[in-house]
C-alpha atoms as a PDB file:
ATOM      1  CA  UNK A   1     118.114  97.816 114.959  1.00  0.00           C
ATOM      2  CA  UNK A   2     119.683 100.893 114.022  1.00  0.00           C
ATOM      3  CA  UNK A   3     121.700 103.716 115.770  1.00  0.00           C
ATOM      4  CA  UNK A   4     122.831 107.222 115.129  1.00  0.00           C
ATOM      5  CA  UNK A   5     125.487 106.340 117.146  1.00  0.00           C
ATOM      6  CA  UNK A   6     127.962 104.866 114.444  1.00  0.00           C
ATOM      7  CA  UNK A   7     131.351 104.064 115.469  1.00  0.00           C
ATOM      8  CA  UNK A   8     130.759 102.887 118.649  1.00  0.00           C
ATOM      9  CA  UNK A   9     130.406  99.211 119.971  1.00  0.00           C
ATOM     10  CA  UNK A  10     126.265  98.636 120.103  1.00  0.00           C
ATOM     11  CA  UNK A  11     126.648  96.781 123.189  1.00  0.00           C
ATOM     12  CA  UNK A  12     127.732  99.835 124.668  1.00  0.00           C
ATOM     13  CA  UNK A  13     125.178 101.966 123.290  1.00  0.00           C
ATOM     14  CA  UNK A  14     122.453  99.684 124.418  1.00  0.00           C
ATOM     15  CA  UNK A  15     123.971  99.535 127.940  1.00  0.00           C
ATOM     16  CA  UNK A  16     124.298 103.181 128.434  1.00  0.00           C
ATOM     17  CA  UNK A  17     121.961 105.200 125.966  1.00  0.00           C
ATOM     18  CA  UNK A  18     119.584 102.700 124.969  1.00  0.00           C
ATOM     19  CA  UNK A  19     117.073 105.378 123.763  1.00  0.00           C
ATOM     20  CA  UNK A  20     119.548 105.635 120.822  1.00  0.00           C
ATOM     21  CA  UNK A  21     118.751 102.189 119.585  1.00  0.00           C
ATOM     22  CA  UNK A  22     115.877 102.188 116.963  1.00  0.00           C
ATOM     23  CA  UNK A  23     114.516  98.735 116.606  1.00  0.00           C
ATOM     24  CA  UNK A  24     111.794  97.661 113.889  1.00  0.00           C
ATOM     25  CA  UNK A  25     110.464  93.847 113.560  1.00  0.00           C
ATOM     26  CA  UNK A  26     109.905  92.618 110.596  1.00  0.00           C
ATOM     27  CA  UNK A  27     108.124  89.532 109.556  1.00  0.00           C
ATOM     28  CA  UNK A  28     110.120  87.105 107.964  1.00  0.00           C
ATOM     29  CA  UNK A  29     106.831  86.065 105.538  1.00  0.00           C
ATOM     30  CA  UNK A  30     106.379  89.820 104.653  1.00  0.00           C
ATOM     31  CA  UNK A  31     110.571  91.148 104.469  1.00  0.00           C
ATOM     32  CA  UNK A  32     111.168  94.575 105.617  1.00  0.00           C
ATOM     33  CA  UNK A  33     108.210  96.696 104.231  1.00  0.00           C
ATOM     34  CA  UNK A  34     108.874 100.105 102.802  1.00  0.00           C
ATOM     35  CA  UNK A  35     106.544 101.854 105.590  1.00  0.00           C
ATOM     36  CA  UNK A  36     109.298  99.967 107.953  1.00  0.00           C
ATOM     37  CA  UNK A  37     112.415 101.550 105.992  1.00  0.00           C
ATOM     38  CA  UNK A  38     110.987 104.780 106.151  1.00  0.00           C
ATOM     39  CA  UNK A  39     110.007 104.897 109.705  1.00  0.00           C
ATOM     40  CA  UNK A  40     113.920 103.747 110.530  1.00  0.00           C
ATOM     41  CA  UNK A  41     115.150 106.764 108.207  1.00  0.00           C
ATOM     42  CA  UNK A  42     113.130 109.359 109.920  1.00  0.00           C
ATOM     43  CA  UNK A  43     113.868 107.717 113.384  1.00  0.00           C
ATOM     44  CA  UNK A  44     117.686 108.192 112.161  1.00  0.00           C
ATOM     45  CA  UNK A  45     117.193 111.587 111.034  1.00  0.00           C
ATOM     46  CA  UNK A  46     116.836 111.721 107.496  1.00  0.00           C
ATOM     47  CA  UNK A  47     114.693 114.528 106.192  1.00  0.00           C
ATOM     48  CA  UNK A  48     113.214 114.994 102.854  1.00  0.00           C
ATOM     49  CA  UNK A  49     114.459 113.257  99.795  1.00  0.00           C
ATOM     50  CA  UNK A  50     116.934 111.500 102.344  1.00  0.00           C
ATOM     51  CA  UNK A  51     114.143 109.425 103.888  1.00  0.00           C
ATOM     52  CA  UNK A  52     113.293 107.763  99.888  1.00  0.00           C
ATOM     53  CA  UNK A  53     116.942 107.213  99.717  1.00  0.00           C
ATOM     54  CA  UNK A  54     117.794 105.739 102.899  1.00  0.00           C
ATOM     55  CA  UNK A  55     114.473 103.857 102.818  1.00  0.00           C
ATOM     56  CA  UNK A  56     115.978 102.435  99.702  1.00  0.00           C
ATOM     57  CA  UNK A  57     119.150 101.577 101.174  1.00  0.00           C
ATOM     58  CA  UNK A  58     117.966 100.119 104.307  1.00  0.00           C
ATOM     59  CA  UNK A  59     116.063  97.612 101.919  1.00  0.00           C
ATOM     60  CA  UNK A  60     119.065  96.567 100.281  1.00  0.00           C
ATOM     61  CA  UNK A  61     120.586  95.855 103.039  1.00  0.00           C
ATOM     62  CA  UNK A  62     118.045  93.634 104.598  1.00  0.00           C
ATOM     63  CA  UNK A  63     117.737  92.327 100.855  1.00  0.00           C
ATOM     64  CA  UNK A  64     121.632  91.107 101.429  1.00  0.00           C
ATOM     65  CA  UNK A  65     120.924  89.670 104.542  1.00  0.00           C
ATOM     66  CA  UNK A  66     118.222  87.365 103.429  1.00  0.00           C
ATOM     67  CA  UNK A  67     119.688  86.527 100.064  1.00  0.00           C
ATOM     68  CA  UNK A  68     123.075  85.743 101.763  1.00  0.00           C
ATOM     69  CA  UNK A  69     121.212  83.655 104.632  1.00  0.00           C
ATOM     70  CA  UNK A  70     123.608  85.734 106.784  1.00  0.00           C
ATOM     71  CA  UNK A  71     123.242  86.052 110.761  1.00  0.00           C
ATOM     72  CA  UNK A  72     124.442  89.756 110.300  1.00  0.00           C
ATOM     73  CA  UNK A  73     124.952  92.569 108.408  1.00  0.00           C
ATOM     74  CA  UNK A  74     126.535  95.342 109.679  1.00  0.00           C
ATOM     75  CA  UNK A  75     126.945  99.047 108.107  1.00  0.00           C
ATOM     76  CA  UNK A  76     129.287 101.077 110.317  1.00  0.00           C
ATOM     77  CA  UNK A  77     129.876 103.951 109.693  1.00  0.00           C
ATOM     78  CA  UNK A  78     127.489 105.037 107.298  1.00  0.00           C
ATOM     79  CA  UNK A  79     127.651 108.689 106.887  1.00  0.00           C
ATOM     80  CA  UNK A  80     126.183 111.539 104.790  1.00  0.00           C
ATOM     81  CA  UNK A  81     128.358 114.150 102.672  1.00  0.00           C
ATOM     82  CA  UNK A  82     127.414 117.000 101.549  1.00  0.00           C
ATOM     83  CA  UNK A  83     128.486 118.086  97.858  1.00  0.00           C
ATOM     84  CA  UNK A  84     129.147 121.871  96.608  1.00  0.00           C
ATOM     85  CA  UNK A  85     126.386 123.019  94.169  1.00  0.00           C
ATOM     86  CA  UNK A  86     127.597 123.252  90.527  1.00  0.00           C
END
């Protein structure tokens, strides 16, 4: 589950603007597939090279959740920072 509405209580987002929550069902026998990670990145508004970077990050979050046998992993907030060209 992911949302562009970072910094907010996800339950509040779900109650008031459920369309802003992106859901991706993961088969535990397969794990998060690369196409699913890319689909999440696109759904969250990432474009160009950021799609691959976002997908890699989501795969890492999923791996952390799986490897730690966690019940939840939350990243809040996650932001993009534009740097000045050198």
